[in-house]
N, C-alpha and C. Protein backbone atom coordinates (compact mmCIF):
# COMPACT_ATOMS: atom_id res chain seq x y z
N MET A 1 95.35 111.23 109.37
CA MET A 1 95.85 112.24 108.63
C MET A 1 97.53 112.06 108.81
N LEU A 2 98.11 112.00 107.41
CA LEU A 2 99.58 112.06 107.66
C LEU A 2 100.22 113.16 108.35
N ASP A 3 101.11 113.00 108.99
CA ASP A 3 102.02 114.31 109.74
C ASP A 3 103.26 114.86 108.42
N LEU A 4 102.75 115.28 107.47
CA LEU A 4 103.58 116.23 106.44
C LEU A 4 104.25 117.20 106.60
N ASP A 5 105.59 117.19 106.14
CA ASP A 5 106.20 118.58 106.08
C ASP A 5 105.58 119.26 105.04
N GLU A 6 105.60 120.57 104.43
CA GLU A 6 105.01 121.11 103.47
C GLU A 6 105.30 120.33 102.08
N LYS A 7 104.33 120.54 100.92
CA LYS A 7 104.40 119.98 100.12
C LYS A 7 105.48 120.81 99.19
N GLU A 8 106.31 120.45 98.23
CA GLU A 8 107.28 121.32 97.65
C GLU A 8 107.04 121.00 96.07
N ALA A 9 107.10 122.08 94.96
CA ALA A 9 106.90 121.68 93.78
C ALA A 9 108.90 121.20 93.33
N VAL A 10 109.67 121.62 94.33
CA VAL A 10 110.67 121.50 93.75
C VAL A 10 111.74 120.50 95.00
N PHE A 11 112.31 119.58 94.54
CA PHE A 11 112.80 118.71 95.14
C PHE A 11 114.02 119.23 95.61
N LYS A 12 114.78 119.02 96.94
CA LYS A 12 116.07 119.76 97.66
C LYS A 12 116.86 118.14 97.86
N ALA A 13 118.05 117.92 97.04
CA ALA A 13 118.84 116.81 97.38
C ALA A 13 119.41 116.99 98.67
N ARG A 14 119.63 116.49 99.43
CA ARG A 14 120.34 116.14 100.86
C ARG A 14 121.58 116.00 100.68
N ASN A 15 121.90 115.08 99.59
CA ASN A 15 123.39 114.50 99.48
C ASN A 15 123.50 113.99 98.05
N LYS A 16 124.83 113.59 97.84
CA LYS A 16 124.95 113.48 96.28
C LYS A 16 124.16 112.26 95.41
N LYS A 17 123.82 111.31 96.65
CA LYS A 17 123.63 110.16 96.22
C LYS A 17 121.78 110.55 95.96
N HIS A 18 121.35 111.45 96.72
CA HIS A 18 120.02 111.79 96.47
C HIS A 18 119.86 112.38 94.99
N GLN A 19 120.97 113.37 94.82
CA GLN A 19 120.82 114.17 93.68
C GLN A 19 121.09 112.95 92.44
N LYS A 20 121.69 111.80 92.47
CA LYS A 20 121.99 111.05 91.56
C LYS A 20 120.81 110.35 91.49
N LEU A 21 119.78 110.21 92.37
CA LEU A 21 118.36 109.15 92.23
C LEU A 21 117.47 110.14 91.51
N TYR A 22 117.61 111.16 92.03
CA TYR A 22 116.57 112.41 91.32
C TYR A 22 116.99 112.36 89.55
N ASP A 23 117.92 112.48 89.49
CA ASP A 23 118.32 112.14 88.07
C ASP A 23 118.31 111.24 87.57
N HIS A 24 118.39 110.22 88.12
CA HIS A 24 117.79 108.95 87.58
C HIS A 24 116.60 108.68 86.94
N TYR A 25 115.69 109.44 88.02
CA TYR A 25 114.11 109.07 87.63
C TYR A 25 113.65 110.08 86.80
N VAL A 26 114.28 111.30 86.60
CA VAL A 26 113.96 112.14 85.83
C VAL A 26 114.34 111.75 84.37
N GLU A 27 115.47 111.39 84.24
CA GLU A 27 116.23 111.05 83.10
C GLU A 27 115.21 109.67 82.30
N ASN A 28 114.60 108.79 83.20
CA ASN A 28 114.17 107.32 82.67
C ASN A 28 112.71 107.93 82.28
N PHE A 29 111.87 109.02 83.21
CA PHE A 29 110.62 109.42 82.96
C PHE A 29 110.44 110.57 82.33
N LYS A 30 111.70 111.09 81.90
CA LYS A 30 111.59 112.51 80.78
C LYS A 30 110.55 113.45 81.15
N GLN A 31 110.63 113.84 82.39
CA GLN A 31 109.91 114.65 82.70
C GLN A 31 110.41 115.02 84.70
N LYS A 32 109.83 116.22 85.15
CA LYS A 32 110.18 116.44 86.18
C LYS A 32 109.27 116.19 86.98
N PRO A 33 109.33 116.00 88.58
CA PRO A 33 108.40 115.61 89.27
C PRO A 33 107.14 116.87 89.44
N PHE A 34 105.92 116.58 89.42
CA PHE A 34 104.84 116.99 89.40
C PHE A 34 104.88 117.77 90.95
N PHE A 35 105.12 117.48 91.92
CA PHE A 35 105.57 118.02 93.43
C PHE A 35 106.15 116.69 94.06
N CYS A 36 106.56 117.12 95.34
CA CYS A 36 107.12 116.00 96.25
C CYS A 36 106.70 116.33 97.55
N LEU A 37 106.79 115.20 98.61
CA LEU A 37 106.34 115.58 99.57
C LEU A 37 107.07 114.54 100.70
N ARG A 38 107.07 114.72 101.74
CA ARG A 38 108.06 114.22 102.88
C ARG A 38 107.75 114.28 104.48
N LEU A 39 107.66 112.95 104.71
CA LEU A 39 107.32 112.66 106.54
C LEU A 39 108.17 113.60 107.31
N LYS A 40 107.34 114.51 108.41
CA LYS A 40 108.24 115.12 109.13
C LYS A 40 108.93 114.22 110.03
N LYS A 41 110.22 114.64 110.97
CA LYS A 41 111.02 114.09 111.17
C LYS A 41 110.84 113.38 112.69
N ASN A 42 109.97 114.05 113.17
CA ASN A 42 109.51 113.89 114.55
C ASN A 42 108.34 112.75 114.74
N VAL A 43 108.02 112.31 113.46
CA VAL A 43 107.02 110.91 113.55
C VAL A 43 108.10 109.65 112.89
N LEU A 44 109.29 109.83 113.11
CA LEU A 44 110.25 108.74 112.80
C LEU A 44 111.07 108.32 113.82
N SER A 45 111.78 107.06 113.63
CA SER A 45 112.86 106.78 114.91
C SER A 45 113.60 108.17 114.54
N ASP A 46 114.54 107.92 115.67
CA ASP A 46 115.78 109.15 115.75
C ASP A 46 116.55 108.84 114.73
N GLU A 47 116.77 107.63 114.49
CA GLU A 47 118.04 107.09 113.58
C GLU A 47 117.40 107.16 111.87
N MET A 48 115.88 107.13 112.31
CA MET A 48 115.82 106.80 110.59
C MET A 48 115.33 108.48 110.02
N LYS A 49 116.45 108.51 108.46
CA LYS A 49 116.07 109.88 108.12
C LYS A 49 114.82 109.64 107.48
N PRO A 50 114.19 110.92 107.12
CA PRO A 50 112.95 111.30 106.31
C PRO A 50 113.07 110.53 104.68
N VAL A 51 111.90 109.76 104.06
CA VAL A 51 111.95 109.21 103.08
C VAL A 51 111.05 110.61 102.19
N THR A 52 111.18 110.97 101.25
CA THR A 52 110.85 112.00 100.16
C THR A 52 110.16 111.15 99.25
N THR A 53 108.77 111.47 98.94
CA THR A 53 108.17 111.03 97.49
C THR A 53 108.23 111.73 96.61
N LEU A 54 108.82 111.49 95.40
CA LEU A 54 108.49 112.31 94.27
C LEU A 54 107.33 111.86 93.30
N VAL A 55 106.47 112.83 93.09
CA VAL A 55 105.38 112.45 92.47
C VAL A 55 105.23 112.69 90.48
N PHE A 56 105.34 111.87 89.86
CA PHE A 56 105.15 112.05 88.59
C PHE A 56 104.12 112.09 87.57
N GLU A 57 103.72 112.89 87.13
CA GLU A 57 102.47 112.65 86.39
C GLU A 57 102.40 111.72 84.95
N PRO A 58 100.79 111.42 85.06
CA PRO A 58 100.88 110.36 83.70
C PRO A 58 101.20 111.06 82.36
N THR A 59 101.99 110.54 81.67
CA THR A 59 102.35 110.89 80.14
C THR A 59 101.73 110.21 79.09
N GLU A 60 101.89 110.50 77.91
CA GLU A 60 101.32 109.72 76.61
C GLU A 60 102.16 108.48 76.92
N ASP A 61 103.57 108.15 76.99
CA ASP A 61 104.36 107.14 76.74
C ASP A 61 104.23 106.44 77.92
N MET A 62 104.02 107.00 79.40
CA MET A 62 103.54 106.05 80.15
C MET A 62 102.64 106.86 81.01
N PRO A 63 101.37 106.36 80.62
CA PRO A 63 99.72 106.81 81.09
C PRO A 63 99.60 106.47 82.59
N PHE A 64 100.26 106.83 83.75
CA PHE A 64 99.91 106.24 84.90
C PHE A 64 101.00 106.99 85.84
N TRP A 65 100.60 107.05 87.21
CA TRP A 65 101.15 107.75 88.12
C TRP A 65 102.32 107.09 88.54
N LYS A 66 103.41 107.65 88.69
CA LYS A 66 104.62 107.23 89.23
C LYS A 66 105.29 107.83 90.69
N LEU A 67 104.97 107.01 91.87
CA LEU A 67 105.65 107.61 93.12
C LEU A 67 106.76 107.00 93.13
N CYS A 68 108.09 107.93 93.62
CA CYS A 68 109.09 107.38 93.63
C CYS A 68 109.89 107.64 94.92
N THR A 69 110.43 107.09 95.54
CA THR A 69 111.08 107.26 97.23
C THR A 69 112.37 107.93 96.86
N ILE A 70 112.88 108.78 97.83
CA ILE A 70 114.73 109.20 98.03
C ILE A 70 114.83 109.22 99.60
N GLY A 71 115.53 108.38 99.67
CA GLY A 71 115.99 108.43 101.30
C GLY A 71 116.01 106.77 101.84
N ALA A 72 115.14 106.07 101.50
CA ALA A 72 115.48 104.91 101.84
C ALA A 72 116.65 104.05 101.91
N SER A 73 117.27 104.25 100.89
CA SER A 73 118.76 103.67 100.25
C SER A 73 119.69 104.25 101.36
N ASP A 74 119.39 105.32 102.24
CA ASP A 74 120.13 105.97 103.11
C ASP A 74 120.75 104.68 104.41
N TYR A 75 119.53 103.80 104.49
CA TYR A 75 119.99 102.87 105.13
C TYR A 75 120.65 101.51 104.90
N LEU A 76 121.65 101.14 104.80
CA LEU A 76 122.64 99.96 104.54
C LEU A 76 122.06 98.65 105.33
N MET A 77 121.33 98.04 103.99
CA MET A 77 121.14 96.59 105.06
C MET A 77 121.88 95.70 105.30
N PRO A 78 121.34 94.71 106.16
CA PRO A 78 122.74 93.96 106.09
C PRO A 78 122.34 92.67 104.91
N GLU A 79 123.90 91.94 104.94
CA GLU A 79 123.89 91.30 103.78
C GLU A 79 122.81 89.87 103.91
N ARG A 80 122.09 89.63 102.27
CA ARG A 80 121.46 88.34 102.37
C ARG A 80 121.89 87.52 101.29
N ASP A 81 121.97 86.22 101.45
CA ASP A 81 122.06 85.12 100.47
C ASP A 81 120.90 85.07 99.89
N ILE A 82 120.90 85.12 98.11
CA ILE A 82 119.46 84.48 97.60
C ILE A 82 119.45 83.65 96.95
N GLY A 83 120.68 82.71 97.28
CA GLY A 83 121.07 81.37 96.36
C GLY A 83 121.92 81.70 95.16
N GLY A 84 122.55 80.50 95.03
CA GLY A 84 123.29 80.66 93.54
C GLY A 84 124.73 81.37 94.07
N GLY A 85 124.95 81.50 95.09
CA GLY A 85 126.11 82.44 95.40
C GLY A 85 125.92 83.59 95.18
N ARG A 86 124.87 84.35 94.90
CA ARG A 86 124.27 85.38 94.90
C ARG A 86 123.88 86.03 96.64
N LYS A 87 124.10 87.51 96.46
CA LYS A 87 123.67 88.21 97.43
C LYS A 87 122.70 89.47 97.20
N ALA A 88 121.74 89.85 97.78
CA ALA A 88 120.84 90.67 97.57
C ALA A 88 121.53 92.16 97.48
N ASN A 89 120.91 92.97 96.94
CA ASN A 89 121.60 94.49 97.11
C ASN A 89 121.33 95.20 98.13
N GLN A 90 122.44 95.82 98.81
CA GLN A 90 121.91 96.56 100.55
C GLN A 90 121.47 97.78 100.54
N ARG A 91 121.16 98.35 98.94
CA ARG A 91 120.54 99.72 99.67
C ARG A 91 119.49 99.63 98.17
N ASN A 92 118.25 100.20 98.74
CA ASN A 92 117.11 100.09 97.98
C ASN A 92 116.19 101.49 97.91
N GLU A 93 115.55 101.73 96.92
CA GLU A 93 114.70 102.94 97.01
C GLU A 93 113.44 102.30 96.19
N TYR A 94 112.07 102.69 96.13
CA TYR A 94 111.01 101.88 96.04
C TYR A 94 109.68 102.93 95.07
N MET A 95 109.16 102.43 94.01
CA MET A 95 108.16 102.99 93.37
C MET A 95 106.95 102.33 93.26
N MET A 96 105.79 103.33 93.50
CA MET A 96 104.52 102.63 93.15
C MET A 96 103.88 103.12 91.83
N LEU A 97 103.38 102.63 90.98
CA LEU A 97 102.63 102.95 89.94
C LEU A 97 101.25 103.00 90.46
N ILE A 98 100.62 104.03 89.68
CA ILE A 98 99.03 104.17 90.53
C ILE A 98 98.34 104.77 88.91
N GLY A 99 96.95 103.91 89.00
CA GLY A 99 95.80 104.10 87.74
C GLY A 99 95.85 105.63 87.49
N PRO A 100 96.04 106.03 86.01
CA PRO A 100 95.46 107.54 85.78
C PRO A 100 94.33 108.06 86.43
N GLU A 101 93.23 107.23 86.54
CA GLU A 101 91.92 107.40 87.11
C GLU A 101 91.68 107.99 88.55
N VAL A 102 92.99 107.63 89.04
CA VAL A 102 93.26 108.36 90.59
C VAL A 102 93.61 109.54 90.65
N GLU A 103 92.86 110.24 91.54
CA GLU A 103 93.23 111.53 91.58
C GLU A 103 94.39 112.14 92.43
N ILE A 104 95.35 112.50 92.12
CA ILE A 104 96.44 112.82 92.87
C ILE A 104 96.81 114.25 92.54
N SER A 105 97.20 115.10 93.92
CA SER A 105 97.55 116.52 94.00
C SER A 105 97.65 116.77 95.19
N GLN A 106 98.14 118.08 95.66
CA GLN A 106 98.41 118.69 96.78
C GLN A 106 97.39 119.10 97.53
N GLU A 107 96.11 119.43 97.13
CA GLU A 107 94.79 119.57 97.74
C GLU A 107 94.27 117.99 98.02
N LYS A 108 94.10 116.91 97.49
CA LYS A 108 93.51 115.75 97.55
C LYS A 108 94.01 114.69 98.73
N THR A 109 93.35 114.28 99.22
CA THR A 109 93.97 113.50 100.50
C THR A 109 93.77 111.89 100.40
N GLU A 110 92.90 111.56 99.30
CA GLU A 110 92.44 109.85 99.29
C GLU A 110 93.48 109.31 98.78
N TRP A 111 94.59 109.77 98.09
CA TRP A 111 95.51 108.80 97.23
C TRP A 111 96.82 108.68 98.44
N LEU A 112 96.90 109.48 99.56
CA LEU A 112 97.85 109.26 100.49
C LEU A 112 97.74 107.86 101.18
N SER A 113 96.54 107.10 101.12
CA SER A 113 96.62 105.89 101.75
C SER A 113 97.55 104.87 101.06
N LEU A 114 97.71 105.04 99.68
CA LEU A 114 98.38 104.37 98.58
C LEU A 114 100.12 104.66 99.23
N ASN A 115 100.33 106.00 99.27
CA ASN A 115 101.54 106.84 99.50
C ASN A 115 102.02 106.17 100.76
N SER A 116 100.94 105.84 101.77
CA SER A 116 101.45 105.50 103.46
C SER A 116 101.94 104.06 103.32
N LEU A 117 101.27 103.49 102.19
CA LEU A 117 101.98 101.72 102.10
C LEU A 117 103.19 101.92 101.22
N LEU A 118 103.30 102.90 100.60
CA LEU A 118 104.71 103.01 99.97
C LEU A 118 105.86 103.36 100.95
N TRP A 119 105.74 104.52 101.74
CA TRP A 119 106.56 104.74 102.75
C TRP A 119 106.67 103.58 103.73
N ALA A 120 105.50 102.86 104.29
CA ALA A 120 105.95 101.63 105.40
C ALA A 120 106.82 100.66 104.76
N THR A 121 106.66 100.71 103.51
CA THR A 121 107.61 99.63 102.51
C THR A 121 109.00 99.97 102.74
N ALA A 122 109.04 101.42 102.52
CA ALA A 122 110.57 101.81 102.59
C ALA A 122 111.23 102.04 103.59
N GLU A 123 110.34 102.05 104.63
CA GLU A 123 110.86 101.94 106.05
C GLU A 123 110.90 100.70 106.87
N CYS A 124 110.50 99.50 106.33
CA CYS A 124 110.50 98.24 106.65
C CYS A 124 111.58 97.65 107.10
N ALA A 125 112.45 97.94 106.10
CA ALA A 125 114.35 97.20 105.99
C ALA A 125 114.95 97.99 107.45
N PHE A 126 114.32 99.08 107.49
CA PHE A 126 115.17 99.75 108.97
C PHE A 126 114.48 99.52 109.79
N ASN A 127 113.08 99.57 109.76
CA ASN A 127 112.43 98.92 111.36
C ASN A 127 112.68 97.74 111.86
N ALA A 128 112.93 96.58 110.86
CA ALA A 128 113.04 95.12 111.17
C ALA A 128 114.53 94.37 111.03
N LYS A 129 115.46 95.86 110.65
CA LYS A 129 116.69 95.55 110.56
C LYS A 129 117.16 94.03 109.43
N GLU A 130 116.31 94.29 108.42
CA GLU A 130 116.61 92.96 107.58
C GLU A 130 116.61 93.79 106.34
N ASN A 131 117.01 92.86 105.23
CA ASN A 131 117.20 93.24 104.04
C ASN A 131 116.00 92.66 103.18
N ILE A 132 115.42 93.42 102.41
CA ILE A 132 114.22 93.25 101.55
C ILE A 132 114.77 93.24 100.25
N THR A 133 113.83 92.20 99.38
CA THR A 133 114.22 92.48 97.99
C THR A 133 113.10 91.80 97.22
N VAL A 134 113.32 91.98 95.74
CA VAL A 134 111.85 91.45 95.15
C VAL A 134 111.60 90.17 95.02
N SER A 135 110.06 89.90 95.08
CA SER A 135 109.52 89.03 95.40
C SER A 135 109.11 88.52 96.94
N ASP A 136 109.61 89.60 97.78
CA ASP A 136 109.05 89.55 99.21
C ASP A 136 107.79 90.27 99.33
N THR A 137 107.30 89.50 100.14
CA THR A 137 105.87 90.13 100.86
C THR A 137 106.07 90.76 102.19
N ILE A 138 105.18 92.00 102.28
CA ILE A 138 105.34 92.39 103.63
C ILE A 138 103.68 92.72 103.97
N ASP A 139 103.51 91.89 105.08
CA ASP A 139 102.22 91.92 105.98
C ASP A 139 102.22 93.03 106.77
N MET A 140 101.93 94.18 106.87
CA MET A 140 101.40 95.41 107.48
C MET A 140 100.17 95.18 108.33
N ARG A 141 99.62 94.06 108.13
CA ARG A 141 98.26 93.68 109.01
C ARG A 141 97.12 95.17 108.97
N SER A 142 97.42 95.79 107.81
CA SER A 142 96.55 97.10 107.75
C SER A 142 95.28 96.45 107.57
N LYS A 143 94.28 97.29 108.32
CA LYS A 143 93.20 97.27 107.86
C LYS A 143 92.66 98.38 106.28
N GLY A 144 91.79 97.70 105.95
CA GLY A 144 91.26 98.38 104.66
C GLY A 144 91.32 97.52 103.64
N LYS A 145 91.56 98.00 102.27
CA LYS A 145 91.59 97.48 101.12
C LYS A 145 92.67 96.60 101.11
N TYR A 146 93.84 97.16 101.70
CA TYR A 146 95.32 96.85 101.34
C TYR A 146 96.02 96.32 102.97
N CYS A 147 96.23 95.07 102.86
CA CYS A 147 96.91 94.60 103.87
C CYS A 147 98.64 94.72 104.30
N GLY A 148 98.95 94.86 103.07
CA GLY A 148 100.21 95.10 102.71
C GLY A 148 100.75 95.11 101.45
N THR A 149 102.31 94.49 101.30
CA THR A 149 102.72 95.04 99.73
C THR A 149 103.53 93.85 99.05
N VAL A 150 104.22 93.48 97.96
CA VAL A 150 105.07 92.85 97.67
C VAL A 150 105.94 93.34 96.55
N LEU A 151 107.30 92.82 96.78
CA LEU A 151 107.98 93.80 95.45
C LEU A 151 108.27 93.41 94.25
N LEU A 152 108.22 93.84 93.61
CA LEU A 152 108.16 93.33 92.12
C LEU A 152 109.34 93.97 91.18
N LEU A 153 109.83 93.85 89.88
CA LEU A 153 110.52 94.21 89.07
C LEU A 153 109.56 94.93 88.23
N PRO A 154 109.82 96.32 88.21
CA PRO A 154 108.67 96.80 86.95
C PRO A 154 108.49 96.61 85.87
N GLU A 155 108.23 95.92 85.19
CA GLU A 155 108.46 94.92 83.92
C GLU A 155 107.54 96.25 83.04
N ILE A 156 106.88 96.91 83.27
CA ILE A 156 106.18 97.65 82.46
C ILE A 156 106.96 98.95 81.89
N PHE A 157 107.75 98.80 82.30
CA PHE A 157 108.82 99.89 81.50
C PHE A 157 109.33 99.20 80.67
N LYS A 158 110.12 99.80 79.23
CA LYS A 158 110.45 99.30 78.41
C LYS A 158 111.97 98.74 78.50
N SER A 159 112.74 99.60 79.29
CA SER A 159 114.06 99.47 79.44
C SER A 159 114.17 99.08 80.99
N PRO A 160 114.91 98.19 81.37
CA PRO A 160 115.46 97.64 82.43
C PRO A 160 116.35 98.55 83.43
N SER A 161 116.74 99.66 82.70
CA SER A 161 117.77 100.33 83.50
C SER A 161 116.87 101.17 84.73
N ILE A 162 115.93 101.29 84.81
CA ILE A 162 115.19 102.02 85.88
C ILE A 162 115.41 101.10 86.92
N VAL A 163 115.53 99.94 87.22
CA VAL A 163 115.71 99.12 88.70
C VAL A 163 117.18 99.32 89.11
N LYS A 164 118.34 100.13 88.40
CA LYS A 164 119.42 100.16 88.88
C LYS A 164 119.91 101.89 88.82
N CYS A 165 120.01 102.32 90.01
CA CYS A 165 120.63 103.74 90.17
C CYS A 165 122.37 103.86 90.32
N PHE A 166 122.81 103.86 89.23
CA PHE A 166 124.31 103.92 89.70
C PHE A 166 124.99 104.95 90.35
N VAL A 167 125.65 104.99 91.53
CA VAL A 167 126.22 106.20 92.55
C VAL A 167 127.53 106.07 92.23
N SER A 168 128.18 104.81 91.90
CA SER A 168 129.63 105.00 91.37
C SER A 168 129.74 103.87 90.24
N LYS A 169 131.10 103.67 89.57
CA LYS A 169 131.43 102.52 89.05
C LYS A 169 130.70 101.20 88.97
N HIS A 170 130.64 100.59 90.22
CA HIS A 170 130.37 99.71 90.86
C HIS A 170 129.38 99.54 91.60
N LYS A 171 128.75 100.45 92.27
CA LYS A 171 127.66 100.38 93.43
C LYS A 171 126.47 100.98 92.74
N PHE A 172 125.48 100.45 92.78
CA PHE A 172 123.90 100.94 92.80
C PHE A 172 122.97 100.73 93.51
N ILE A 173 121.91 101.57 93.55
CA ILE A 173 120.90 101.40 94.51
C ILE A 173 119.72 100.66 93.95
N SER A 174 119.20 99.63 94.00
CA SER A 174 118.05 98.98 93.27
C SER A 174 116.60 99.73 93.72
N ILE A 175 115.82 99.68 92.63
CA ILE A 175 114.71 100.51 92.88
C ILE A 175 113.49 99.03 92.57
N PHE A 176 112.65 98.93 93.03
CA PHE A 176 111.74 98.31 92.99
C PHE A 176 110.24 98.60 93.19
N GLN A 177 109.51 97.68 92.19
CA GLN A 177 107.83 98.38 92.54
C GLN A 177 107.33 97.84 93.61
N VAL A 178 106.62 98.62 94.15
CA VAL A 178 105.72 97.97 95.46
C VAL A 178 104.45 97.86 95.16
N MET A 179 103.90 96.97 94.95
CA MET A 179 102.46 96.44 94.83
C MET A 179 101.67 96.35 95.92
N PRO A 180 100.73 97.28 96.20
CA PRO A 180 99.70 96.80 97.49
C PRO A 180 98.98 95.17 97.12
N ILE A 181 98.54 94.57 97.91
CA ILE A 181 97.95 93.52 98.41
C ILE A 181 96.76 93.14 99.37
N THR A 182 95.92 92.85 98.78
CA THR A 182 94.99 92.41 99.70
C THR A 182 95.21 91.18 100.49
N ARG A 183 94.05 91.05 101.90
CA ARG A 183 94.41 89.92 102.58
C ARG A 183 93.70 88.69 101.80
N LYS A 184 93.07 88.63 100.76
CA LYS A 184 92.40 87.63 100.18
C LYS A 184 93.73 86.96 99.38
N LEU A 185 94.59 88.05 98.78
CA LEU A 185 95.71 87.58 97.80
C LEU A 185 96.56 86.95 98.61
N LEU A 186 96.89 87.15 99.94
CA LEU A 186 97.86 87.19 100.84
C LEU A 186 97.89 85.55 101.32
N ILE A 187 96.47 85.63 101.52
CA ILE A 187 95.96 84.00 102.39
C ILE A 187 96.17 82.83 100.96
N LYS A 188 95.90 83.59 99.87
CA LYS A 188 96.06 82.40 98.79
C LYS A 188 97.40 82.20 98.73
N LYS A 189 98.44 83.23 98.42
CA LYS A 189 99.76 83.15 98.33
C LYS A 189 100.30 82.05 99.42
N LEU A 190 99.90 82.31 100.63
CA LEU A 190 100.21 81.16 101.51
C LEU A 190 99.63 79.70 101.56
N LYS A 191 98.64 79.72 101.06
CA LYS A 191 98.07 78.50 100.94
C LYS A 191 98.80 77.69 99.74
N LYS A 192 99.48 78.30 98.60
CA LYS A 192 100.01 77.42 97.76
C LYS A 192 101.87 77.27 98.23
N GLY A 193 101.72 77.54 99.18
CA GLY A 193 103.24 77.10 99.66
C GLY A 193 104.49 77.62 99.04
N THR A 194 105.33 76.83 98.68
CA THR A 194 106.70 77.54 97.92
C THR A 194 106.31 78.13 96.88
N ASN A 195 105.25 77.73 95.90
CA ASN A 195 104.82 78.36 94.88
C ASN A 195 104.07 79.53 94.91
N GLY A 196 103.51 79.79 95.93
CA GLY A 196 102.80 81.13 96.36
C GLY A 196 103.63 82.26 95.95
N ILE A 197 104.69 82.34 95.90
CA ILE A 197 105.17 83.80 95.59
C ILE A 197 105.19 84.07 94.05
N TYR A 198 105.75 82.76 93.08
CA TYR A 198 105.55 83.19 91.70
C TYR A 198 104.23 82.94 91.36
N TRP A 199 103.11 82.87 91.66
CA TRP A 199 101.97 83.03 91.81
C TRP A 199 101.30 84.11 92.00
N LEU A 200 101.82 84.78 93.21
CA LEU A 200 101.12 86.24 93.39
C LEU A 200 101.94 87.12 92.52
N MET A 201 103.22 86.80 92.02
CA MET A 201 104.03 87.92 91.03
C MET A 201 103.12 87.45 89.70
N GLU A 202 102.51 86.67 89.48
CA GLU A 202 102.00 86.53 88.20
C GLU A 202 100.72 87.11 88.28
N GLN A 203 100.00 87.27 89.47
CA GLN A 203 98.78 88.11 89.17
C GLN A 203 98.97 89.42 88.57
N PHE A 204 100.22 90.18 88.63
CA PHE A 204 100.78 91.29 87.89
C PHE A 204 101.17 91.73 87.00
N TYR A 205 102.51 90.55 86.64
CA TYR A 205 103.13 90.45 85.53
C TYR A 205 102.62 88.86 84.92
N THR A 206 102.05 88.79 84.31
CA THR A 206 101.74 87.27 83.78
C THR A 206 102.75 87.12 82.48
N HIS A 207 103.28 85.68 82.45
CA HIS A 207 104.65 85.34 81.39
C HIS A 207 104.20 84.06 80.67
N ASP A 208 104.69 83.46 79.64
CA ASP A 208 104.42 82.53 78.96
C ASP A 208 105.54 81.40 79.54
N ASP A 209 105.26 80.20 79.12
CA ASP A 209 106.29 79.43 79.38
C ASP A 209 107.97 79.44 79.35
N ASP A 210 108.03 80.45 77.99
CA ASP A 210 109.49 80.62 78.21
C ASP A 210 109.72 82.26 79.03
N TYR A 211 108.60 82.70 80.10
CA TYR A 211 109.09 83.81 80.51
C TYR A 211 108.96 84.97 80.04
N LYS A 212 108.47 85.12 78.84
CA LYS A 212 108.32 86.52 77.94
C LYS A 212 106.90 86.91 78.67
N LEU A 213 106.93 88.50 79.18
CA LEU A 213 105.61 89.07 79.22
C LEU A 213 104.61 89.10 78.53
N ILE A 214 103.35 88.62 78.80
CA ILE A 214 102.23 88.51 78.04
C ILE A 214 101.18 89.37 78.44
N SER A 215 101.38 89.70 79.64
CA SER A 215 100.18 90.77 80.11
C SER A 215 100.21 91.24 81.19
N SER A 216 99.71 92.60 81.86
CA SER A 216 100.40 93.17 82.90
C SER A 216 98.95 94.01 83.74
N LYS A 217 99.04 94.02 84.98
CA LYS A 217 98.20 94.67 85.59
C LYS A 217 98.94 95.25 86.68
N PRO A 218 99.86 96.10 86.44
CA PRO A 218 100.82 96.60 87.81
C PRO A 218 100.46 97.67 88.29
N PHE A 219 99.14 98.31 87.96
CA PHE A 219 98.76 99.80 88.69
C PHE A 219 98.17 99.82 90.02
N ALA A 220 98.12 100.19 91.13
CA ALA A 220 97.62 100.33 92.28
C ALA A 220 96.14 101.01 91.95
N THR A 221 95.33 101.08 92.93
CA THR A 221 94.09 101.67 92.58
C THR A 221 93.49 101.85 94.28
N LEU A 222 92.93 103.12 94.37
CA LEU A 222 92.10 103.03 95.54
C LEU A 222 90.84 102.01 95.77
């Protein structure tokens, strides 16, 4: 059982960046969170600040659950060259999209296993002192249905604006989709070598030869 602080109906921002993130989620989803939850400080490293999950309910326009973090971006990740003279952003937050059939509430506990994967991903960069970005796979060696996660761009949304939360004119926080993966998928990805990551990402967002999205299966399930 996760060691949680009290689940709250109202999010309380700890600083201006957190408030900007909250406003960014609310503006893009056009709704306020159903509730939020946060790990207790005593189960984290002394240097790692608590990460909060905002839980947004399915709606007619977005008929799936949205679990979104606030707090992971407090950690400034080291620089990372991603090729072509480009560098990965150094501050991330994360979201997980969950099918509407999953029962999520303050009373239910089964869904918390998915939130655990979200939190573990959010803490990964801090624990490893690395920069993680889109297309990275994280093998948590977890037992059960899922062994880890892969970072995706949340292409299910009509607007790409969700992936960048600007905290100043030129600085933004990246927001990546966290997709749970099974050990079977991870092994197949590794066997495909350098083509493995493209193959893995296409399992959730499939594109044609012109890289136009033609189908998607982006929802986590229990």
